[in-house]
């Protein structure tokens, strides 16, 4: 996903912006891999109910 962002804007404005982008994209990627609604889980995260997937096989 870093390449997509770089192609769109050319770069990140700051290190903090890059870190925030990666944290959000990582969350969205995890939600998709667990067949959850991205919109619903983002809304829940904003409300303080963050989705934590179950870890199987560890």
N, C-alpha and C. Protein backbone atom coordinates (compact mmCIF):
# COMPACT_ATOMS: atom_id res chain seq x y z
N UNK A 1 0.80 -1.20 0.00
CA UNK A 1 0.00 0.00 0.00
C UNK A 1 0.84 1.26 0.00
N UNK A 2 2.05 1.19 0.47
CA UNK A 2 2.91 2.37 0.48
C UNK A 2 3.13 2.89 -0.94
N UNK A 3 3.25 1.98 -1.90
CA UNK A 3 3.47 2.39 -3.28
C UNK A 3 2.25 3.11 -3.85
N UNK A 4 1.05 2.68 -3.47
CA UNK A 4 -0.16 3.34 -3.93
C UNK A 4 -0.18 4.77 -3.44
N UNK A 5 0.10 4.98 -2.16
CA UNK A 5 0.11 6.32 -1.59
C UNK A 5 1.18 7.18 -2.25
N UNK A 6 2.36 6.62 -2.48
CA UNK A 6 3.44 7.37 -3.11
C UNK A 6 3.06 7.77 -4.53
N UNK A 7 2.40 6.89 -5.26
CA UNK A 7 2.02 7.20 -6.64
C UNK A 7 0.96 8.29 -6.70
N UNK A 8 0.07 8.31 -5.71
CA UNK A 8 -1.01 9.30 -5.71
C UNK A 8 -0.48 10.69 -5.36
N UNK A 9 0.25 10.80 -4.25
CA UNK A 9 0.67 12.12 -3.79
C UNK A 9 2.16 12.40 -3.98
N UNK A 10 2.93 11.38 -4.28
CA UNK A 10 4.36 11.57 -4.46
C UNK A 10 5.15 11.27 -3.21
N UNK A 11 4.59 11.57 -2.03
CA UNK A 11 5.27 11.28 -0.77
C UNK A 11 4.34 11.58 0.39
N UNK A 12 4.81 11.31 1.57
CA UNK A 12 4.06 11.68 2.77
C UNK A 12 4.55 13.03 3.24
N UNK A 13 3.68 13.81 3.84
CA UNK A 13 4.06 15.14 4.32
C UNK A 13 4.95 15.04 5.56
N UNK A 14 4.78 13.98 6.33
CA UNK A 14 5.59 13.83 7.54
C UNK A 14 5.69 12.36 7.92
N UNK A 15 6.62 12.08 8.82
CA UNK A 15 6.77 10.71 9.33
C UNK A 15 5.50 10.31 10.08
N UNK A 16 4.96 11.21 10.86
CA UNK A 16 3.73 10.93 11.62
C UNK A 16 2.59 10.57 10.67
N UNK A 17 2.46 11.28 9.56
CA UNK A 17 1.43 10.98 8.57
C UNK A 17 1.60 9.60 7.97
N UNK A 18 2.84 9.23 7.69
CA UNK A 18 3.13 7.90 7.15
C UNK A 18 2.77 6.82 8.16
N UNK A 19 3.10 7.04 9.43
CA UNK A 19 2.78 6.08 10.47
C UNK A 19 1.28 5.91 10.64
N UNK A 20 0.55 7.00 10.61
CA UNK A 20 -0.91 6.95 10.73
C UNK A 20 -1.52 6.20 9.54
N UNK A 21 -1.02 6.48 8.34
CA UNK A 21 -1.50 5.80 7.15
C UNK A 21 -1.32 4.30 7.27
N UNK A 22 -0.15 3.86 7.70
CA UNK A 22 0.14 2.43 7.81
C UNK A 22 -0.69 1.77 8.89
N UNK A 23 -0.93 2.46 9.98
CA UNK A 23 -1.74 1.89 11.05
C UNK A 23 -3.18 1.67 10.58
N UNK A 24 -3.73 2.66 9.89
CA UNK A 24 -5.10 2.55 9.39
C UNK A 24 -5.20 1.48 8.31
N UNK A 25 -4.25 1.46 7.36
CA UNK A 25 -4.27 0.44 6.30
C UNK A 25 -4.11 -0.96 6.86
N UNK A 26 -3.29 -1.10 7.89
CA UNK A 26 -3.11 -2.40 8.53
C UNK A 26 -4.39 -2.88 9.18
N UNK A 27 -5.08 -1.96 9.83
CA UNK A 27 -6.36 -2.29 10.46
C UNK A 27 -7.38 -2.72 9.42
N UNK A 28 -7.48 -1.96 8.33
CA UNK A 28 -8.43 -2.28 7.26
C UNK A 28 -8.09 -3.63 6.64
N UNK A 29 -6.82 -3.89 6.42
CA UNK A 29 -6.39 -5.17 5.85
C UNK A 29 -6.79 -6.34 6.76
N UNK A 30 -6.58 -6.19 8.06
CA UNK A 30 -6.94 -7.23 9.01
C UNK A 30 -8.44 -7.47 9.02
N UNK A 31 -9.20 -6.40 9.00
CA UNK A 31 -10.67 -6.51 9.01
C UNK A 31 -11.15 -7.25 7.76
N UNK A 32 -10.59 -6.92 6.60
CA UNK A 32 -10.98 -7.59 5.36
C UNK A 32 -10.64 -9.07 5.38
N UNK A 33 -9.44 -9.40 5.89
CA UNK A 33 -9.02 -10.80 5.95
C UNK A 33 -9.91 -11.64 6.86
N UNK A 34 -10.58 -10.98 7.80
CA UNK A 34 -11.46 -11.68 8.73
C UNK A 34 -12.93 -11.54 8.35
N UNK A 35 -13.17 -11.16 7.09
CA UNK A 35 -14.53 -11.05 6.53
C UNK A 35 -15.47 -10.21 7.38
N UNK A 36 -14.96 -9.07 7.83
CA UNK A 36 -15.76 -8.13 8.61
C UNK A 36 -16.05 -6.91 7.74
N UNK A 37 -17.07 -6.16 8.10
CA UNK A 37 -17.42 -4.94 7.39
C UNK A 37 -16.43 -3.83 7.77
N UNK A 38 -15.71 -3.32 6.79
CA UNK A 38 -14.71 -2.28 7.05
C UNK A 38 -15.38 -1.04 7.63
N UNK A 39 -16.48 -0.62 7.04
CA UNK A 39 -17.18 0.57 7.52
C UNK A 39 -17.63 0.40 8.97
N UNK A 40 -18.24 -0.73 9.27
CA UNK A 40 -18.72 -0.98 10.63
C UNK A 40 -17.57 -1.01 11.63
N UNK A 41 -16.48 -1.65 11.28
CA UNK A 41 -15.35 -1.77 12.20
C UNK A 41 -14.63 -0.43 12.38
N UNK A 42 -14.55 0.39 11.34
CA UNK A 42 -13.98 1.72 11.50
C UNK A 42 -14.86 2.57 12.42
N UNK A 43 -16.16 2.47 12.22
CA UNK A 43 -17.10 3.20 13.07
C UNK A 43 -16.96 2.74 14.52
N UNK A 44 -16.87 1.42 14.73
CA UNK A 44 -16.70 0.90 16.08
C UNK A 44 -15.39 1.37 16.70
N UNK A 45 -14.33 1.41 15.90
CA UNK A 45 -13.03 1.86 16.39
C UNK A 45 -13.10 3.31 16.86
N UNK A 46 -13.79 4.14 16.10
CA UNK A 46 -13.95 5.54 16.48
C UNK A 46 -14.71 5.65 17.79
N UNK A 47 -15.65 4.74 18.00
CA UNK A 47 -16.45 4.72 19.24
C UNK A 47 -15.70 4.06 20.40
N UNK A 48 -14.51 3.52 20.13
CA UNK A 48 -13.71 2.92 21.19
C UNK A 48 -13.85 1.42 21.33
N UNK A 49 -14.56 0.78 20.41
CA UNK A 49 -14.74 -0.67 20.42
C UNK A 49 -13.92 -1.28 19.29
N UNK A 50 -12.62 -1.39 19.51
CA UNK A 50 -11.71 -1.85 18.46
C UNK A 50 -11.85 -3.36 18.25
N UNK A 51 -11.88 -3.77 17.00
CA UNK A 51 -11.95 -5.20 16.64
C UNK A 51 -10.59 -5.84 16.83
N UNK A 52 -10.56 -6.92 17.59
CA UNK A 52 -9.34 -7.70 17.78
C UNK A 52 -9.64 -9.12 17.33
N UNK A 53 -8.98 -9.56 16.25
CA UNK A 53 -9.25 -10.91 15.74
C UNK A 53 -8.74 -11.98 16.71
N UNK A 54 -9.37 -13.14 16.65
CA UNK A 54 -8.91 -14.26 17.44
C UNK A 54 -7.64 -14.84 16.80
N UNK A 55 -6.70 -15.23 17.61
CA UNK A 55 -5.47 -15.84 17.10
C UNK A 55 -5.64 -17.34 17.24
N UNK A 56 -5.58 -18.01 16.10
CA UNK A 56 -5.79 -19.47 16.08
C UNK A 56 -4.47 -20.16 15.77
N UNK A 57 -4.16 -21.20 16.50
CA UNK A 57 -3.00 -22.00 16.22
C UNK A 57 -1.70 -21.51 16.82
N UNK A 58 -1.76 -20.62 17.78
CA UNK A 58 -0.53 -20.13 18.42
C UNK A 58 -0.37 -20.74 19.79
